[in-house]
Amino acid sequence: MRVLVQRVSSASVSVDDEIVGEIRPRTQGLLALVGVTHDDDAATATRMAEKLWGLRILDDQRSASDVGAPVLVVSQFTLYANTVKGRRPSWNAAAPAPVAEPLVTAFADALRGLGAEVAQGVFGAHMQVSSVNDGPVTLMLEL
């Protein structure tokens, strides 16, 4: 599992011009773009949620768990693109939708179980993601 996380002052995701998920934190929140690969499982999703929730990337070296920062979770299979050969990315490392969708949901649910306020995109939909990066701070998390 890979999560590209950005510290944001706001973020939203829309489908067909309708906002389906949005965070407007008091100070800072996190936008989590989540990619799933073939050998990921529910335990991987839980560990990744714990890692993200405790990651000290907010002001004053605080974590989302320290301040109750909201998280916007958006599925992002393109995090597993292979661009080594040619000009067309290969998506072979990305898990197929029947595997990936429940694990993205498990990741979001694990965050909620830790106490996070979580908004989500729509798996498999053509989404427009808007965010205001704060810092900017962008990190790739992998397990």
C-alpha atoms as a PDB file:
ATOM      1  CA  MET A   1       0.000   0.000   0.000  1.00  0.00           C
ATOM      2  CA  ARG A   2       1.178   3.481  -0.832  1.00  0.00           C
ATOM      3  CA  VAL A   3      -0.267   6.700   0.520  1.00  0.00           C
ATOM      4  CA  LEU A   4       0.748  10.045  -0.886  1.00  0.00           C
ATOM      5  CA  VAL A   5      -0.129  12.428   1.940  1.00  0.00           C
ATOM      6  CA  GLN A   6      -0.315  16.196   1.725  1.00  0.00           C
ATOM      7  CA  ARG A   7      -0.737  18.606   4.586  1.00  0.00           C
ATOM      8  CA  VAL A   8      -3.612  20.879   3.565  1.00  0.00           C
ATOM      9  CA  SER A   9      -5.588  23.827   4.809  1.00  0.00           C
ATOM     10  CA  SER A  10      -8.602  22.539   2.812  1.00  0.00           C
ATOM     11  CA  ALA A  11      -9.406  19.779   0.345  1.00  0.00           C
ATOM     12  CA  SER A  12     -12.405  18.430  -1.538  1.00  0.00           C
ATOM     13  CA  VAL A  13     -13.275  15.848  -4.138  1.00  0.00           C
ATOM     14  CA  SER A  14     -16.076  16.170  -6.682  1.00  0.00           C
ATOM     15  CA  VAL A  15     -17.812  13.752  -9.038  1.00  0.00           C
ATOM     16  CA  ASP A  16     -19.953  15.168 -11.851  1.00  0.00           C
ATOM     17  CA  ASP A  17     -19.569  18.685 -10.406  1.00  0.00           C
ATOM     18  CA  GLU A  18     -20.944  17.599  -7.016  1.00  0.00           C
ATOM     19  CA  ILE A  19     -18.741  17.648  -3.918  1.00  0.00           C
ATOM     20  CA  VAL A  20     -18.739  14.116  -2.467  1.00  0.00           C
ATOM     21  CA  GLY A  21     -16.035  14.599   0.174  1.00  0.00           C
ATOM     22  CA  GLU A  22     -14.583  17.679   1.809  1.00  0.00           C
ATOM     23  CA  ILE A  23     -12.453  18.745   4.758  1.00  0.00           C
ATOM     24  CA  ARG A  24     -12.164  22.274   6.082  1.00  0.00           C
ATOM     25  CA  PRO A  25      -9.939  21.967   9.136  1.00  0.00           C
ATOM     26  CA  ARG A  26      -9.617  24.685  11.749  1.00  0.00           C
ATOM     27  CA  THR A  27      -5.895  24.779  11.013  1.00  0.00           C
ATOM     28  CA  GLN A  28      -4.514  21.795   9.106  1.00  0.00           C
ATOM     29  CA  GLY A  29      -5.722  18.472   7.733  1.00  0.00           C
ATOM     30  CA  LEU A  30      -4.446  15.689   5.520  1.00  0.00           C
ATOM     31  CA  LEU A  31      -5.230  14.656   1.967  1.00  0.00           C
ATOM     32  CA  ALA A  32      -4.421  10.955   1.574  1.00  0.00           C
ATOM     33  CA  LEU A  33      -4.181   9.534  -1.950  1.00  0.00           C
ATOM     34  CA  VAL A  34      -4.269   5.752  -1.462  1.00  0.00           C
ATOM     35  CA  GLY A  35      -2.885   3.116  -3.837  1.00  0.00           C
ATOM     36  CA  VAL A  36      -3.266  -0.626  -3.295  1.00  0.00           C
ATOM     37  CA  THR A  37      -1.099  -3.427  -4.690  1.00  0.00           C
ATOM     38  CA  HIS A  38      -1.723  -7.156  -5.037  1.00  0.00           C
ATOM     39  CA  ASP A  39      -0.317  -8.387  -1.721  1.00  0.00           C
ATOM     40  CA  ASP A  40      -2.006  -5.799   0.501  1.00  0.00           C
ATOM     41  CA  ASP A  41      -4.614  -6.939   3.000  1.00  0.00           C
ATOM     42  CA  ALA A  42      -6.754  -5.563   5.830  1.00  0.00           C
ATOM     43  CA  ALA A  43      -3.802  -5.688   8.239  1.00  0.00           C
ATOM     44  CA  THR A  44      -1.791  -3.546   5.813  1.00  0.00           C
ATOM     45  CA  ALA A  45      -4.626  -1.006   5.669  1.00  0.00           C
ATOM     46  CA  THR A  46      -4.790  -0.849   9.473  1.00  0.00           C
ATOM     47  CA  ARG A  47      -1.020  -0.411   9.862  1.00  0.00           C
ATOM     48  CA  MET A  48      -0.997   2.331   7.226  1.00  0.00           C
ATOM     49  CA  ALA A  49      -3.864   4.147   8.938  1.00  0.00           C
ATOM     50  CA  GLU A  50      -1.975   4.008  12.254  1.00  0.00           C
ATOM     51  CA  LYS A  51       1.179   5.316  10.565  1.00  0.00           C
ATOM     52  CA  LEU A  52      -0.672   8.210   8.922  1.00  0.00           C
ATOM     53  CA  TRP A  53      -2.658   9.121  12.052  1.00  0.00           C
ATOM     54  CA  GLY A  54       0.513   9.326  14.156  1.00  0.00           C
ATOM     55  CA  LEU A  55       2.780  10.975  11.573  1.00  0.00           C
ATOM     56  CA  ARG A  56       4.210  14.222  12.976  1.00  0.00           C
ATOM     57  CA  ILE A  57       3.884  16.504   9.935  1.00  0.00           C
ATOM     58  CA  LEU A  58       1.594  19.215  11.273  1.00  0.00           C
ATOM     59  CA  ASP A  59       2.767  22.483  12.822  1.00  0.00           C
ATOM     60  CA  ASP A  60       4.946  22.178  15.924  1.00  0.00           C
ATOM     61  CA  GLN A  61       5.742  18.548  15.032  1.00  0.00           C
ATOM     62  CA  ARG A  62       2.267  17.401  15.940  1.00  0.00           C
ATOM     63  CA  SER A  63       0.327  14.567  14.372  1.00  0.00           C
ATOM     64  CA  ALA A  64      -3.257  14.400  13.168  1.00  0.00           C
ATOM     65  CA  SER A  65      -4.008  12.356  16.286  1.00  0.00           C
ATOM     66  CA  ASP A  66      -2.612  15.133  18.502  1.00  0.00           C
ATOM     67  CA  VAL A  67      -4.976  17.782  17.127  1.00  0.00           C
ATOM     68  CA  GLY A  68      -7.868  15.799  15.663  1.00  0.00           C
ATOM     69  CA  ALA A  69      -7.040  16.851  12.121  1.00  0.00           C
ATOM     70  CA  PRO A  70      -9.503  15.631   9.466  1.00  0.00           C
ATOM     71  CA  VAL A  71      -8.410  13.376   6.594  1.00  0.00           C
ATOM     72  CA  LEU A  72      -9.722  13.237   3.036  1.00  0.00           C
ATOM     73  CA  VAL A  73      -9.133   9.744   1.564  1.00  0.00           C
ATOM     74  CA  VAL A  74      -9.067   9.372  -2.227  1.00  0.00           C
ATOM     75  CA  SER A  75      -8.295   6.124  -4.075  1.00  0.00           C
ATOM     76  CA  GLN A  76      -5.375   6.522  -6.466  1.00  0.00           C
ATOM     77  CA  PHE A  77      -4.313   3.426  -8.423  1.00  0.00           C
ATOM     78  CA  THR A  78      -1.842   5.544 -10.414  1.00  0.00           C
ATOM     79  CA  LEU A  79       0.530   5.505  -7.417  1.00  0.00           C
ATOM     80  CA  TYR A  80       1.541   2.054  -8.695  1.00  0.00           C
ATOM     81  CA  ALA A  81       2.367   3.199 -12.248  1.00  0.00           C
ATOM     82  CA  ASN A  82       5.507   1.742 -13.765  1.00  0.00           C
ATOM     83  CA  THR A  83       7.132   4.272 -16.073  1.00  0.00           C
ATOM     84  CA  VAL A  84      10.542   2.602 -16.534  1.00  0.00           C
ATOM     85  CA  LYS A  85      10.014   1.558 -20.157  1.00  0.00           C
ATOM     86  CA  GLY A  86       8.461   3.525 -22.969  1.00  0.00           C
ATOM     87  CA  ARG A  87       6.016   6.381 -22.745  1.00  0.00           C
ATOM     88  CA  ARG A  88       2.908   4.519 -21.631  1.00  0.00           C
ATOM     89  CA  PRO A  89       2.658   3.667 -17.903  1.00  0.00           C
ATOM     90  CA  SER A  90       1.970   0.098 -16.894  1.00  0.00           C
ATOM     91  CA  TRP A  91      -0.600  -0.449 -14.148  1.00  0.00           C
ATOM     92  CA  ASN A  92       0.319  -4.110 -13.477  1.00  0.00           C
ATOM     93  CA  ALA A  93       1.385  -3.427  -9.881  1.00  0.00           C
ATOM     94  CA  ALA A  94      -1.968  -1.837  -8.975  1.00  0.00           C
ATOM     95  CA  ALA A  95      -4.494  -4.216  -7.461  1.00  0.00           C
ATOM     96  CA  PRO A  96      -7.724  -4.720  -9.428  1.00  0.00           C
ATOM     97  CA  ALA A  97     -10.842  -2.943  -8.196  1.00  0.00           C
ATOM     98  CA  PRO A  98     -12.360  -5.969  -6.400  1.00  0.00           C
ATOM     99  CA  VAL A  99      -9.205  -6.152  -4.256  1.00  0.00           C
ATOM    100  CA  ALA A 100      -8.440  -2.443  -3.952  1.00  0.00           C
ATOM    101  CA  GLU A 101     -11.861  -0.995  -3.153  1.00  0.00           C
ATOM    102  CA  PRO A 102     -12.433  -2.890   0.116  1.00  0.00           C
ATOM    103  CA  LEU A 103      -8.881  -2.064   1.239  1.00  0.00           C
ATOM    104  CA  VAL A 104      -9.289   1.673   0.599  1.00  0.00           C
ATOM    105  CA  THR A 105     -12.499   1.445   2.623  1.00  0.00           C
ATOM    106  CA  ALA A 106     -10.682  -0.540   5.338  1.00  0.00           C
ATOM    107  CA  PHE A 107      -8.005   2.180   5.478  1.00  0.00           C
ATOM    108  CA  ALA A 108     -10.656   4.913   5.920  1.00  0.00           C
ATOM    109  CA  ASP A 109     -12.544   2.818   8.487  1.00  0.00           C
ATOM    110  CA  ALA A 110      -9.321   2.173  10.431  1.00  0.00           C
ATOM    111  CA  LEU A 111      -8.713   5.930  10.574  1.00  0.00           C
ATOM    112  CA  ARG A 112     -12.251   6.426  11.879  1.00  0.00           C
ATOM    113  CA  GLY A 113     -11.606   3.725  14.472  1.00  0.00           C
ATOM    114  CA  LEU A 114      -8.592   5.709  15.650  1.00  0.00           C
ATOM    115  CA  GLY A 115     -10.790   8.768  16.111  1.00  0.00           C
ATOM    116  CA  ALA A 116     -10.292  10.581  12.809  1.00  0.00           C
ATOM    117  CA  GLU A 117     -12.922  12.609  11.015  1.00  0.00           C
ATOM    118  CA  VAL A 118     -12.712  11.103   7.503  1.00  0.00           C
ATOM    119  CA  ALA A 119     -14.208  12.201   4.198  1.00  0.00           C
ATOM    120  CA  GLN A 120     -13.844  10.078   1.070  1.00  0.00           C
ATOM    121  CA  GLY A 121     -13.953  10.177  -2.690  1.00  0.00           C
ATOM    122  CA  VAL A 122     -15.887   7.654  -4.787  1.00  0.00           C
ATOM    123  CA  PHE A 123     -13.874   4.589  -5.728  1.00  0.00           C
ATOM    124  CA  GLY A 124     -13.513   4.161  -9.490  1.00  0.00           C
ATOM    125  CA  ALA A 125     -15.211   7.443 -10.343  1.00  0.00           C
ATOM    126  CA  HIS A 126     -13.681  10.201 -12.438  1.00  0.00           C
ATOM    127  CA  MET A 127     -12.936  12.637  -9.621  1.00  0.00           C
ATOM    128  CA  GLN A 128     -11.755  16.220  -9.452  1.00  0.00           C
ATOM    129  CA  VAL A 129      -9.587  16.745  -6.382  1.00  0.00           C
ATOM    130  CA  SER A 130      -8.992  20.265  -5.112  1.00  0.00           C
ATOM    131  CA  SER A 131      -6.633  21.123  -2.311  1.00  0.00           C
ATOM    132  CA  VAL A 132      -4.729  23.976  -0.771  1.00  0.00           C
ATOM    133  CA  ASN A 133      -1.370  22.551   0.243  1.00  0.00           C
ATOM    134  CA  ASP A 134       0.025  23.920   3.465  1.00  0.00           C
ATOM    135  CA  GLY A 135       3.791  24.287   3.556  1.00  0.00           C
ATOM    136  CA  PRO A 136       3.812  22.557   1.133  1.00  0.00           C
ATOM    137  CA  VAL A 137       4.350  19.193   2.764  1.00  0.00           C
ATOM    138  CA  THR A 138       3.949  16.064   0.616  1.00  0.00           C
ATOM    139  CA  LEU A 139       5.231  12.619   1.630  1.00  0.00           C
ATOM    140  CA  MET A 140       5.018   9.088   0.216  1.00  0.00           C
ATOM    141  CA  LEU A 141       4.216   6.444   2.823  1.00  0.00           C
ATOM    142  CA  GLU A 142       4.813   2.771   2.052  1.00  0.00           C
ATOM    143  CA  LEU A 143       4.546  -0.479   3.959  1.00  0.00           C
END
